[in-house]
PDB file of all heavy atoms in Angstrom:
ATOM      1  N   ALA A   1     -11.551  -1.940 -11.848  1.00  0.00           N
ATOM      2  CA  ALA A   1     -11.020  -0.993 -12.882  1.00  0.00           C
ATOM      3  C   ALA A   1      -9.517  -1.109 -12.846  1.00  0.00           C
ATOM      4  O   ALA A   1      -8.919  -1.081 -13.884  1.00  0.00           O
ATOM      5  CB  ALA A   1     -11.452   0.437 -12.665  1.00  0.00           C
ATOM      6  N   LEU A   2      -8.950  -1.058 -11.633  1.00  0.00           N
ATOM      7  CA  LEU A   2      -7.436  -0.988 -11.534  1.00  0.00           C
ATOM      8  C   LEU A   2      -6.853  -2.334 -11.996  1.00  0.00           C
ATOM      9  O   LEU A   2      -5.815  -2.381 -12.634  1.00  0.00           O
ATOM     10  CB  LEU A   2      -7.050  -0.747 -10.051  1.00  0.00           C
ATOM     11  CG  LEU A   2      -7.249   0.711  -9.671  1.00  0.00           C
ATOM     12  CD1 LEU A   2      -6.932   0.883  -8.195  1.00  0.00           C
ATOM     13  CD2 LEU A   2      -6.486   1.704 -10.414  1.00  0.00           C
ATOM     14  N   ALA A   3      -7.611  -3.403 -11.661  1.00  0.00           N
ATOM     15  CA  ALA A   3      -7.131  -4.690 -12.169  1.00  0.00           C
ATOM     16  C   ALA A   3      -7.142  -4.883 -13.599  1.00  0.00           C
ATOM     17  O   ALA A   3      -6.320  -5.500 -14.131  1.00  0.00           O
ATOM     18  CB  ALA A   3      -8.065  -5.760 -11.517  1.00  0.00           C
ATOM     19  N   SER A   4      -8.048  -4.215 -14.275  1.00  0.00           N
ATOM     20  CA  SER A   4      -8.073  -4.264 -15.776  1.00  0.00           C
ATOM     21  C   SER A   4      -6.859  -3.452 -16.428  1.00  0.00           C
ATOM     22  O   SER A   4      -6.593  -3.684 -17.540  1.00  0.00           O
ATOM     23  CB  SER A   4      -9.451  -3.616 -16.201  1.00  0.00           C
ATOM     24  OG  SER A   4      -9.410  -2.135 -16.127  1.00  0.00           O
ATOM     25  N   LEU A   5      -6.287  -2.618 -15.587  1.00  0.00           N
ATOM     26  CA  LEU A   5      -5.153  -1.907 -16.073  1.00  0.00           C
ATOM     27  C   LEU A   5      -3.720  -2.435 -15.665  1.00  0.00           C
ATOM     28  O   LEU A   5      -2.780  -1.826 -16.201  1.00  0.00           O
ATOM     29  CB  LEU A   5      -5.233  -0.411 -15.610  1.00  0.00           C
ATOM     30  CG  LEU A   5      -6.496   0.354 -15.939  1.00  0.00           C
ATOM     31  CD1 LEU A   5      -6.512   1.761 -15.116  1.00  0.00           C
ATOM     32  CD2 LEU A   5      -6.757   0.518 -17.326  1.00  0.00           C
ATOM     33  N   CYS A   6      -3.823  -3.449 -14.958  1.00  0.00           N
ATOM     34  CA  CYS A   6      -2.512  -4.021 -14.377  1.00  0.00           C
ATOM     35  C   CYS A   6      -2.346  -5.504 -14.620  1.00  0.00           C
ATOM     36  O   CYS A   6      -3.439  -6.203 -14.621  1.00  0.00           O
ATOM     37  CB  CYS A   6      -2.547  -3.753 -12.848  1.00  0.00           C
ATOM     38  SG  CYS A   6      -2.314  -2.038 -12.376  1.00  0.00           S
ATOM     39  N   GLN A   7      -1.229  -5.938 -14.543  1.00  0.00           N
ATOM     40  CA  GLN A   7      -0.852  -7.394 -14.282  1.00  0.00           C
ATOM     41  C   GLN A   7      -0.376  -7.526 -12.883  1.00  0.00           C
ATOM     42  O   GLN A   7      -0.145  -6.609 -12.181  1.00  0.00           O
ATOM     43  CB  GLN A   7       0.257  -7.755 -15.287  1.00  0.00           C
ATOM     44  CG  GLN A   7      -0.165  -7.689 -16.628  1.00  0.00           C
ATOM     45  CD  GLN A   7      -1.177  -8.693 -17.157  1.00  0.00           C
ATOM     46  OE1 GLN A   7      -1.431  -9.744 -16.464  1.00  0.00           O
ATOM     47  NE2 GLN A   7      -1.938  -8.412 -18.247  1.00  0.00           N
ATOM     48  N   SER A   8      -0.162  -8.739 -12.349  1.00  0.00           N
ATOM     49  CA  SER A   8       0.156  -8.936 -11.069  1.00  0.00           C
ATOM     50  C   SER A   8       1.516  -8.495 -10.599  1.00  0.00           C
ATOM     51  O   SER A   8       1.744  -8.208  -9.467  1.00  0.00           O
ATOM     52  CB  SER A   8       0.052 -10.420 -10.768  1.00  0.00           C
ATOM     53  OG  SER A   8       0.988 -11.199 -11.528  1.00  0.00           O
ATOM     54  N   TYR A   9       2.309  -8.183 -11.583  1.00  0.00           N
ATOM     55  CA  TYR A   9       3.670  -7.715 -11.369  1.00  0.00           C
ATOM     56  C   TYR A   9       3.845  -6.232 -11.439  1.00  0.00           C
ATOM     57  O   TYR A   9       4.872  -5.635 -11.296  1.00  0.00           O
ATOM     58  CB  TYR A   9       4.731  -8.371 -12.285  1.00  0.00           C
ATOM     59  CG  TYR A   9       4.371  -8.256 -13.758  1.00  0.00           C
ATOM     60  CD1 TYR A   9       4.693  -7.161 -14.519  1.00  0.00           C
ATOM     61  CD2 TYR A   9       3.602  -9.239 -14.377  1.00  0.00           C
ATOM     62  CE1 TYR A   9       4.282  -7.126 -15.813  1.00  0.00           C
ATOM     63  CE2 TYR A   9       3.391  -9.336 -15.631  1.00  0.00           C
ATOM     64  CZ  TYR A   9       3.681  -8.194 -16.405  1.00  0.00           C
ATOM     65  OH  TYR A   9       3.204  -8.174 -17.823  1.00  0.00           O
ATOM     66  N   HIS A  10       2.596  -5.547 -11.592  1.00  0.00           N
ATOM     67  CA  HIS A  10       2.590  -4.091 -11.842  1.00  0.00           C
ATOM     68  C   HIS A  10       2.423  -3.373 -10.479  1.00  0.00           C
ATOM     69  O   HIS A  10       2.126  -4.110  -9.427  1.00  0.00           O
ATOM     70  CB  HIS A  10       1.603  -3.651 -12.818  1.00  0.00           C
ATOM     71  CG  HIS A  10       1.891  -3.977 -14.199  1.00  0.00           C
ATOM     72  ND1 HIS A  10       1.115  -4.311 -15.155  1.00  0.00           N
ATOM     73  CD2 HIS A  10       3.133  -3.895 -14.819  1.00  0.00           C
ATOM     74  CE1 HIS A  10       1.651  -4.438 -16.308  1.00  0.00           C
ATOM     75  NE2 HIS A  10       2.861  -4.199 -16.172  1.00  0.00           N
ATOM     76  N   SER A  11       2.364  -2.155 -10.445  1.00  0.00           N
ATOM     77  CA  SER A  11       2.013  -1.313  -9.249  1.00  0.00           C
ATOM     78  C   SER A  11       1.165  -0.143  -9.512  1.00  0.00           C
ATOM     79  O   SER A  11       1.084   0.308 -10.680  1.00  0.00           O
ATOM     80  CB  SER A  11       3.317  -0.791  -8.469  1.00  0.00           C
ATOM     81  OG  SER A  11       4.144  -0.125  -9.351  1.00  0.00           O
ATOM     82  N   VAL A  12       0.419   0.295  -8.597  1.00  0.00           N
ATOM     83  CA  VAL A  12      -0.467   1.524  -8.647  1.00  0.00           C
ATOM     84  C   VAL A  12      -0.007   2.649  -7.781  1.00  0.00           C
ATOM     85  O   VAL A  12       0.235   2.430  -6.561  1.00  0.00           O
ATOM     86  CB  VAL A  12      -1.917   1.098  -8.365  1.00  0.00           C
ATOM     87  CG1 VAL A  12      -2.841   2.229  -8.314  1.00  0.00           C
ATOM     88  CG2 VAL A  12      -2.361  -0.107  -9.221  1.00  0.00           C
ATOM     89  N   ILE A  13       0.080   3.902  -8.368  1.00  0.00           N
ATOM     90  CA  ILE A  13       0.552   4.975  -7.610  1.00  0.00           C
ATOM     91  C   ILE A  13      -0.584   5.782  -7.117  1.00  0.00           C
ATOM     92  O   ILE A  13      -1.451   6.181  -7.809  1.00  0.00           O
ATOM     93  CB  ILE A  13       1.607   5.800  -8.472  1.00  0.00           C
ATOM     94  CG1 ILE A  13       2.848   5.071  -8.816  1.00  0.00           C
ATOM     95  CG2 ILE A  13       1.842   7.113  -7.708  1.00  0.00           C
ATOM     96  CD1 ILE A  13       3.744   5.837  -9.802  1.00  0.00           C
ATOM     97  N   CYS A  14      -0.628   6.085  -5.794  1.00  0.00           N
ATOM     98  CA  CYS A  14      -1.700   6.974  -5.231  1.00  0.00           C
ATOM     99  C   CYS A  14      -1.169   7.786  -3.979  1.00  0.00           C
ATOM    100  O   CYS A  14       0.049   7.549  -3.595  1.00  0.00           O
ATOM    101  CB  CYS A  14      -2.875   6.106  -4.849  1.00  0.00           C
ATOM    102  SG  CYS A  14      -2.527   4.884  -3.524  1.00  0.00           S
ATOM    103  N   THR A  15      -1.933   8.505  -3.404  1.00  0.00           N
ATOM    104  CA  THR A  15      -1.573   9.179  -2.110  1.00  0.00           C
ATOM    105  C   THR A  15      -1.675   8.062  -0.935  1.00  0.00           C
ATOM    106  O   THR A  15      -2.545   7.166  -1.077  1.00  0.00           O
ATOM    107  CB  THR A  15      -2.300  10.351  -1.780  1.00  0.00           C
ATOM    108  OG1 THR A  15      -3.619  10.020  -1.536  1.00  0.00           O
ATOM    109  CG2 THR A  15      -2.301  11.367  -2.875  1.00  0.00           C
ATOM    110  N   GLN A  16      -1.028   8.436   0.184  1.00  0.00           N
ATOM    111  CA  GLN A  16      -1.080   7.628   1.320  1.00  0.00           C
ATOM    112  C   GLN A  16      -2.502   7.555   2.055  1.00  0.00           C
ATOM    113  O   GLN A  16      -2.856   6.606   2.610  1.00  0.00           O
ATOM    114  CB  GLN A  16      -0.044   8.028   2.330  1.00  0.00           C
ATOM    115  CG  GLN A  16      -0.186   9.374   2.884  1.00  0.00           C
ATOM    116  CD  GLN A  16       0.902   9.818   3.796  1.00  0.00           C
ATOM    117  OE1 GLN A  16       1.959   9.224   3.838  1.00  0.00           O
ATOM    118  NE2 GLN A  16       0.864  11.068   4.307  1.00  0.00           N
ATOM    119  N   SER A  17      -3.285   8.572   1.672  1.00  0.00           N
ATOM    120  CA  SER A  17      -4.656   8.687   2.249  1.00  0.00           C
ATOM    121  C   SER A  17      -5.708   8.165   1.233  1.00  0.00           C
ATOM    122  O   SER A  17      -6.923   8.213   1.588  1.00  0.00           O
ATOM    123  CB  SER A  17      -4.961  10.114   2.692  1.00  0.00           C
ATOM    124  OG  SER A  17      -5.020  10.898   1.524  1.00  0.00           O
ATOM    125  N   ALA A  18      -5.285   7.660   0.125  1.00  0.00           N
ATOM    126  CA  ALA A  18      -6.338   7.243  -0.954  1.00  0.00           C
ATOM    127  C   ALA A  18      -7.161   6.097  -0.470  1.00  0.00           C
ATOM    128  O   ALA A  18      -6.607   5.226   0.291  1.00  0.00           O
ATOM    129  CB  ALA A  18      -5.490   6.911  -2.252  1.00  0.00           C
ATOM    130  N   HIS A  19      -8.361   6.054  -0.808  1.00  0.00           N
ATOM    131  CA  HIS A  19      -9.391   5.113  -0.336  1.00  0.00           C
ATOM    132  C   HIS A  19      -8.863   3.682  -0.856  1.00  0.00           C
ATOM    133  O   HIS A  19      -9.052   2.783  -0.110  1.00  0.00           O
ATOM    134  CB  HIS A  19     -10.726   5.531  -1.005  1.00  0.00           C
ATOM    135  CG  HIS A  19     -11.859   4.785  -0.257  1.00  0.00           C
ATOM    136  ND1 HIS A  19     -12.347   3.563  -0.609  1.00  0.00           N
ATOM    137  CD2 HIS A  19     -12.578   5.366   0.804  1.00  0.00           C
ATOM    138  CE1 HIS A  19     -13.372   3.262   0.279  1.00  0.00           C
ATOM    139  NE2 HIS A  19     -13.555   4.307   1.072  1.00  0.00           N
ATOM    140  N   VAL A  20      -8.197   3.663  -2.022  1.00  0.00           N
ATOM    141  CA  VAL A  20      -7.838   2.295  -2.460  1.00  0.00           C
ATOM    142  C   VAL A  20      -6.750   1.735  -1.578  1.00  0.00           C
ATOM    143  O   VAL A  20      -6.570   0.524  -1.555  1.00  0.00           O
ATOM    144  CB  VAL A  20      -7.272   2.431  -3.970  1.00  0.00           C
ATOM    145  CG1 VAL A  20      -8.537   2.701  -4.954  1.00  0.00           C
ATOM    146  CG2 VAL A  20      -6.240   3.292  -4.153  1.00  0.00           C
ATOM    147  N   GLU A  21      -5.973   2.597  -0.870  1.00  0.00           N
ATOM    148  CA  GLU A  21      -4.986   2.177   0.079  1.00  0.00           C
ATOM    149  C   GLU A  21      -5.419   1.875   1.463  1.00  0.00           C
ATOM    150  O   GLU A  21      -5.082   0.862   2.171  1.00  0.00           O
ATOM    151  CB  GLU A  21      -3.830   3.216   0.074  1.00  0.00           C
ATOM    152  CG  GLU A  21      -2.839   3.102   1.307  1.00  0.00           C
ATOM    153  CD  GLU A  21      -2.046   1.899   1.277  1.00  0.00           C
ATOM    154  OE1 GLU A  21      -2.054   1.122   0.256  1.00  0.00           O
ATOM    155  OE2 GLU A  21      -1.266   1.635   2.227  1.00  0.00           O
ATOM    156  N   THR A  22      -6.337   2.822   1.961  1.00  0.00           N
ATOM    157  CA  THR A  22      -6.677   2.730   3.303  1.00  0.00           C
ATOM    158  C   THR A  22      -7.997   2.117   3.748  1.00  0.00           C
ATOM    159  O   THR A  22      -8.275   1.729   4.787  1.00  0.00           O
ATOM    160  CB  THR A  22      -6.768   4.258   3.837  1.00  0.00           C
ATOM    161  OG1 THR A  22      -7.830   4.913   3.256  1.00  0.00           O
ATOM    162  CG2 THR A  22      -5.435   4.904   3.655  1.00  0.00           C
ATOM    163  N   ASP A  23      -8.930   1.916   2.711  1.00  0.00           N
ATOM    164  CA  ASP A  23     -10.311   1.590   3.025  1.00  0.00           C
ATOM    165  C   ASP A  23     -11.034   0.591   2.140  1.00  0.00           C
ATOM    166  O   ASP A  23     -12.275   0.525   2.172  1.00  0.00           O
ATOM    167  CB  ASP A  23     -11.185   2.819   3.106  1.00  0.00           C
ATOM    168  CG  ASP A  23     -10.886   3.748   4.308  1.00  0.00           C
ATOM    169  OD1 ASP A  23     -11.381   3.434   5.316  1.00  0.00           O
ATOM    170  OD2 ASP A  23     -10.248   4.760   4.043  1.00  0.00           O
ATOM    171  N   GLU A  24     -10.136  -0.188   1.433  1.00  0.00           N
ATOM    172  CA  GLU A  24     -10.724  -1.214   0.571  1.00  0.00           C
ATOM    173  C   GLU A  24     -10.213  -2.626   0.906  1.00  0.00           C
ATOM    174  O   GLU A  24     -10.379  -3.372   0.100  1.00  0.00           O
ATOM    175  CB  GLU A  24     -10.498  -0.813  -0.931  1.00  0.00           C
ATOM    176  CG  GLU A  24     -11.378   0.428  -1.164  1.00  0.00           C
ATOM    177  CD  GLU A  24     -11.445   0.940  -2.541  1.00  0.00           C
ATOM    178  OE1 GLU A  24     -10.500   0.530  -3.355  1.00  0.00           O
ATOM    179  OE2 GLU A  24     -12.231   1.872  -2.862  1.00  0.00           O
ATOM    180  N   CYS A  25      -9.647  -2.873   2.080  1.00  0.00           N
ATOM    181  CA  CYS A  25      -9.441  -4.094   2.576  1.00  0.00           C
ATOM    182  C   CYS A  25      -8.628  -5.056   1.637  1.00  0.00           C
ATOM    183  O   CYS A  25      -8.647  -6.232   1.596  1.00  0.00           O
ATOM    184  CB  CYS A  25     -10.673  -4.814   2.895  1.00  0.00           C
ATOM    185  SG  CYS A  25     -10.559  -6.339   3.976  1.00  0.00           S
ATOM    186  N   GLY A  26      -7.596  -4.301   0.902  1.00  0.00           N
ATOM    187  CA  GLY A  26      -6.734  -4.972  -0.004  1.00  0.00           C
ATOM    188  C   GLY A  26      -7.519  -5.509  -1.212  1.00  0.00           C
ATOM    189  O   GLY A  26      -6.856  -6.311  -2.009  1.00  0.00           O
ATOM    190  N   ALA A  27      -8.696  -5.086  -1.547  1.00  0.00           N
ATOM    191  CA  ALA A  27      -9.378  -5.422  -2.668  1.00  0.00           C
ATOM    192  C   ALA A  27      -8.679  -5.241  -4.024  1.00  0.00           C
ATOM    193  O   ALA A  27      -8.715  -6.064  -4.877  1.00  0.00           O
ATOM    194  CB  ALA A  27     -10.839  -4.936  -2.696  1.00  0.00           C
ATOM    195  N   PRO A  28      -8.096  -3.910  -4.240  1.00  0.00           N
ATOM    196  CA  PRO A  28      -7.361  -3.771  -5.466  1.00  0.00           C
ATOM    197  C   PRO A  28      -6.299  -4.824  -5.679  1.00  0.00           C
ATOM    198  O   PRO A  28      -5.959  -5.299  -6.827  1.00  0.00           O
ATOM    199  CB  PRO A  28      -6.775  -2.377  -5.169  1.00  0.00           C
ATOM    200  CG  PRO A  28      -7.659  -1.647  -4.369  1.00  0.00           C
ATOM    201  CD  PRO A  28      -8.112  -2.882  -3.324  1.00  0.00           C
ATOM    202  N   GLU A  29      -5.415  -5.077  -4.587  1.00  0.00           N
ATOM    203  CA  GLU A  29      -4.525  -6.087  -4.741  1.00  0.00           C
ATOM    204  C   GLU A  29      -5.063  -7.567  -5.077  1.00  0.00           C
ATOM    205  O   GLU A  29      -4.524  -8.296  -5.758  1.00  0.00           O
ATOM    206  CB  GLU A  29      -3.668  -6.135  -3.463  1.00  0.00           C
ATOM    207  CG  GLU A  29      -2.867  -4.920  -3.169  1.00  0.00           C
ATOM    208  CD  GLU A  29      -3.515  -3.915  -2.222  1.00  0.00           C
ATOM    209  OE1 GLU A  29      -4.851  -3.901  -2.235  1.00  0.00           O
ATOM    210  OE2 GLU A  29      -2.960  -3.202  -1.540  1.00  0.00           O
ATOM    211  N   PHE A  30      -6.157  -7.790  -4.311  1.00  0.00           N
ATOM    212  CA  PHE A  30      -6.843  -9.065  -4.444  1.00  0.00           C
ATOM    213  C   PHE A  30      -7.333  -9.232  -5.912  1.00  0.00           C
ATOM    214  O   PHE A  30      -7.065 -10.405  -6.549  1.00  0.00           O
ATOM    215  CB  PHE A  30      -7.908  -9.209  -3.507  1.00  0.00           C
ATOM    216  CG  PHE A  30      -8.763 -10.480  -3.638  1.00  0.00           C
ATOM    217  CD1 PHE A  30      -8.348 -11.690  -3.069  1.00  0.00           C
ATOM    218  CD2 PHE A  30     -10.010 -10.427  -4.418  1.00  0.00           C
ATOM    219  CE1 PHE A  30      -9.144 -12.847  -3.134  1.00  0.00           C
ATOM    220  CE2 PHE A  30     -10.721 -11.624  -4.452  1.00  0.00           C
ATOM    221  CZ  PHE A  30     -10.206 -12.812  -3.951  1.00  0.00           C
ATOM    222  N   PHE A  31      -7.983  -8.390  -6.448  1.00  0.00           N
ATOM    223  CA  PHE A  31      -8.586  -8.591  -7.809  1.00  0.00           C
ATOM    224  C   PHE A  31      -7.576  -8.385  -8.941  1.00  0.00           C
ATOM    225  O   PHE A  31      -7.832  -8.904 -10.069  1.00  0.00           O
ATOM    226  CB  PHE A  31      -9.664  -7.622  -8.084  1.00  0.00           C
ATOM    227  CG  PHE A  31     -11.027  -8.088  -7.358  1.00  0.00           C
ATOM    228  CD1 PHE A  31     -11.461  -7.395  -6.158  1.00  0.00           C
ATOM    229  CD2 PHE A  31     -11.766  -9.094  -7.714  1.00  0.00           C
ATOM    230  CE1 PHE A  31     -12.532  -7.749  -5.546  1.00  0.00           C
ATOM    231  CE2 PHE A  31     -12.854  -9.508  -7.127  1.00  0.00           C
ATOM    232  CZ  PHE A  31     -13.297  -8.855  -5.984  1.00  0.00           C
ATOM    233  N   SER A  32      -6.332  -7.805  -8.665  1.00  0.00           N
ATOM    234  CA  SER A  32      -5.367  -7.660  -9.648  1.00  0.00           C
ATOM    235  C   SER A  32      -4.315  -8.904  -9.446  1.00  0.00           C
ATOM    236  O   SER A  32      -3.330  -8.887 -10.110  1.00  0.00           O
ATOM    237  CB  SER A  32      -4.653  -6.343  -9.505  1.00  0.00           C
ATOM    238  OG  SER A  32      -3.964  -6.277  -8.286  1.00  0.00           O
ATOM    239  N   ASN A  33      -4.632  -9.850  -8.612  1.00  0.00           N
ATOM    240  CA  ASN A  33      -3.749 -10.935  -8.278  1.00  0.00           C
ATOM    241  C   ASN A  33      -2.369 -10.467  -7.732  1.00  0.00           C
ATOM    242  O   ASN A  33      -1.440 -11.169  -7.977  1.00  0.00           O
ATOM    243  CB  ASN A  33      -3.497 -11.761  -9.512  1.00  0.00           C
ATOM    244  CG  ASN A  33      -4.832 -12.618  -9.993  1.00  0.00           C
ATOM    245  OD1 ASN A  33      -5.499 -13.120  -9.038  1.00  0.00           O
ATOM    246  ND2 ASN A  33      -5.188 -12.472 -11.182  1.00  0.00           N
ATOM    247  N   GLY A  34      -2.416  -9.324  -7.159  1.00  0.00           N
ATOM    248  CA  GLY A  34      -1.222  -8.943  -6.401  1.00  0.00           C
ATOM    249  C   GLY A  34      -0.472  -7.556  -6.714  1.00  0.00           C
ATOM    250  O   GLY A  34       0.570  -7.318  -6.284  1.00  0.00           O
ATOM    251  N   SER A  35      -1.139  -6.848  -7.595  1.00  0.00           N
ATOM    252  CA  SER A  35      -0.445  -5.524  -7.961  1.00  0.00           C
ATOM    253  C   SER A  35      -0.196  -4.788  -6.686  1.00  0.00           C
ATOM    254  O   SER A  35      -1.032  -4.624  -5.937  1.00  0.00           O
ATOM    255  CB  SER A  35      -1.337  -4.772  -8.922  1.00  0.00           C
ATOM    256  OG  SER A  35      -1.460  -5.470 -10.206  1.00  0.00           O
ATOM    257  N   LYS A  36       0.907  -4.145  -6.679  1.00  0.00           N
ATOM    258  CA  LYS A  36       1.187  -3.484  -5.311  1.00  0.00           C
ATOM    259  C   LYS A  36       0.835  -2.074  -5.391  1.00  0.00           C
ATOM    260  O   LYS A  36       0.896  -1.266  -6.403  1.00  0.00           O
ATOM    261  CB  LYS A  36       2.803  -3.637  -5.086  1.00  0.00           C
ATOM    262  CG  LYS A  36       3.260  -2.930  -3.833  1.00  0.00           C
ATOM    263  CD  LYS A  36       4.683  -3.138  -3.635  1.00  0.00           C
ATOM    264  CE  LYS A  36       5.158  -2.595  -2.231  1.00  0.00           C
ATOM    265  NZ  LYS A  36       4.489  -3.169  -1.138  1.00  0.00           N
ATOM    266  N   ILE A  37       0.380  -1.450  -4.233  1.00  0.00           N
ATOM    267  CA  ILE A  37       0.040  -0.180  -4.087  1.00  0.00           C
ATOM    268  C   ILE A  37       1.270   0.577  -3.724  1.00  0.00           C
ATOM    269  O   ILE A  37       1.779   0.301  -2.645  1.00  0.00           O
ATOM    270  CB  ILE A  37      -1.217   0.035  -3.236  1.00  0.00           C
ATOM    271  CG1 ILE A  37      -2.448  -0.701  -3.556  1.00  0.00           C
ATOM    272  CG2 ILE A  37      -1.495   1.595  -2.944  1.00  0.00           C
ATOM    273  CD1 ILE A  37      -3.019  -0.236  -4.732  1.00  0.00           C
ATOM    274  N   LEU A  38       1.684   1.703  -4.319  1.00  0.00           N
ATOM    275  CA  LEU A  38       2.787   2.555  -3.987  1.00  0.00           C
ATOM    276  C   LEU A  38       2.127   3.906  -3.632  1.00  0.00           C
ATOM    277  O   LEU A  38       1.567   4.529  -4.335  1.00  0.00           O
ATOM    278  CB  LEU A  38       3.726   2.652  -5.155  1.00  0.00           C
ATOM    279  CG  LEU A  38       4.389   1.452  -5.753  1.00  0.00           C
ATOM    280  CD1 LEU A  38       5.329   1.842  -6.972  1.00  0.00           C
ATOM    281  CD2 LEU A  38       5.197   0.680  -4.745  1.00  0.00           C
ATOM    282  N   THR A  39       2.410   4.260  -2.365  1.00  0.00           N
ATOM    283  CA  THR A  39       1.818   5.526  -1.897  1.00  0.00           C
ATOM    284  C   THR A  39       2.829   6.678  -1.701  1.00  0.00           C
ATOM    285  O   THR A  39       3.969   6.426  -1.338  1.00  0.00           O
ATOM    286  CB  THR A  39       1.199   5.284  -0.457  1.00  0.00           C
ATOM    287  OG1 THR A  39       2.227   4.936   0.428  1.00  0.00           O
ATOM    288  CG2 THR A  39       0.223   4.150  -0.576  1.00  0.00           C
ATOM    289  N   ALA A  40       2.297   7.796  -1.952  1.00  0.00           N
ATOM    290  CA  ALA A  40       3.054   9.115  -1.914  1.00  0.00           C
ATOM    291  C   ALA A  40       2.623   9.891  -0.729  1.00  0.00           C
ATOM    292  O   ALA A  40       1.434  10.069  -0.540  1.00  0.00           O
ATOM    293  CB  ALA A  40       2.986   9.891  -3.104  1.00  0.00           C
ATOM    294  N   PRO A  41       3.548  10.462   0.065  1.00  0.00           N
ATOM    295  CA  PRO A  41       3.068  11.286   1.255  1.00  0.00           C
ATOM    296  C   PRO A  41       2.346  12.451   0.579  1.00  0.00           C
ATOM    297  O   PRO A  41       2.720  13.060  -0.453  1.00  0.00           O
ATOM    298  CB  PRO A  41       4.400  11.743   1.798  1.00  0.00           C
ATOM    299  CG  PRO A  41       5.406  10.704   1.371  1.00  0.00           C
ATOM    300  CD  PRO A  41       5.001  10.204   0.087  1.00  0.00           C
ATOM    301  N   SER A  42       1.318  12.988   1.309  1.00  0.00           N
ATOM    302  CA  SER A  42       0.535  14.245   0.823  1.00  0.00           C
ATOM    303  C   SER A  42      -0.085  14.852   2.075  1.00  0.00           C
ATOM    304  O   SER A  42      -0.839  14.216   2.682  1.00  0.00           O
ATOM    305  CB  SER A  42      -0.460  13.750  -0.212  1.00  0.00           C
ATOM    306  OG  SER A  42      -1.203  14.847  -0.596  1.00  0.00           O
ATOM    307  N   ALA A  43       0.303  16.088   2.199  1.00  0.00           N
ATOM    308  CA  ALA A  43      -0.224  16.793   3.313  1.00  0.00           C
ATOM    309  C   ALA A  43      -1.894  17.104   3.137  1.00  0.00           C
ATOM    310  O   ALA A  43      -2.463  17.179   4.172  1.00  0.00           O
ATOM    311  CB  ALA A  43       0.434  18.104   3.598  1.00  0.00           C
ATOM    312  N   ASP A  44      -2.170  17.187   1.985  1.00  0.00           N
ATOM    313  CA  ASP A  44      -3.663  17.656   1.723  1.00  0.00           C
ATOM    314  C   ASP A  44      -4.399  16.574   0.858  1.00  0.00           C
ATOM    315  O   ASP A  44      -5.558  16.893   0.470  1.00  0.00           O
ATOM    316  CB  ASP A  44      -3.638  18.984   0.988  1.00  0.00           C
ATOM    317  CG  ASP A  44      -3.140  18.857  -0.463  1.00  0.00           C
ATOM    318  OD1 ASP A  44      -2.497  17.866  -0.799  1.00  0.00           O
ATOM    319  OD2 ASP A  44      -3.225  20.043  -1.160  1.00  0.00           O
ATOM    320  N   GLY A  45      -3.937  15.363   0.657  1.00  0.00           N
ATOM    321  CA  GLY A  45      -4.515  14.411  -0.039  1.00  0.00           C
ATOM    322  C   GLY A  45      -4.434  14.388  -1.535  1.00  0.00           C
ATOM    323  O   GLY A  45      -4.920  13.533  -2.189  1.00  0.00           O
ATOM    324  N   LYS A  46      -3.724  15.309  -2.070  1.00  0.00           N
ATOM    325  CA  LYS A  46      -3.534  15.480  -3.490  1.00  0.00           C
ATOM    326  C   LYS A  46      -2.223  14.849  -3.888  1.00  0.00           C
ATOM    327  O   LYS A  46      -1.203  14.910  -3.312  1.00  0.00           O
ATOM    328  CB  LYS A  46      -3.580  16.963  -3.928  1.00  0.00           C
ATOM    329  CG  LYS A  46      -5.006  17.598  -4.084  1.00  0.00           C
ATOM    330  CD  LYS A  46      -4.736  18.936  -4.735  1.00  0.00           C
ATOM    331  CE  LYS A  46      -6.125  19.670  -4.966  1.00  0.00           C
ATOM    332  NZ  LYS A  46      -5.997  20.831  -5.598  1.00  0.00           N
ATOM    333  N   LEU A  47      -2.369  14.248  -5.073  1.00  0.00           N
ATOM    334  CA  LEU A  47      -1.066  13.662  -5.649  1.00  0.00           C
ATOM    335  C   LEU A  47      -0.535  14.713  -6.695  1.00  0.00           C
ATOM    336  O   LEU A  47      -1.283  15.458  -7.363  1.00  0.00           O
ATOM    337  CB  LEU A  47      -1.493  12.344  -6.520  1.00  0.00           C
ATOM    338  CG  LEU A  47      -0.319  11.496  -6.959  1.00  0.00           C
ATOM    339  CD1 LEU A  47       0.396  10.923  -5.719  1.00  0.00           C
ATOM    340  CD2 LEU A  47      -0.876  10.282  -7.797  1.00  0.00           C
TER     341      LEU A  47
END
């Protein structure tokens, strides 16, 4: 889904605890051919 919204030179904004950042083994970056994940600090997991 994220790859369909991005080109390889784009980035995705999420929290630092988001599953796409911490638990998907780089799959969002892989399937988007390199779109970067940008993480925001969050004490409670909310963006």
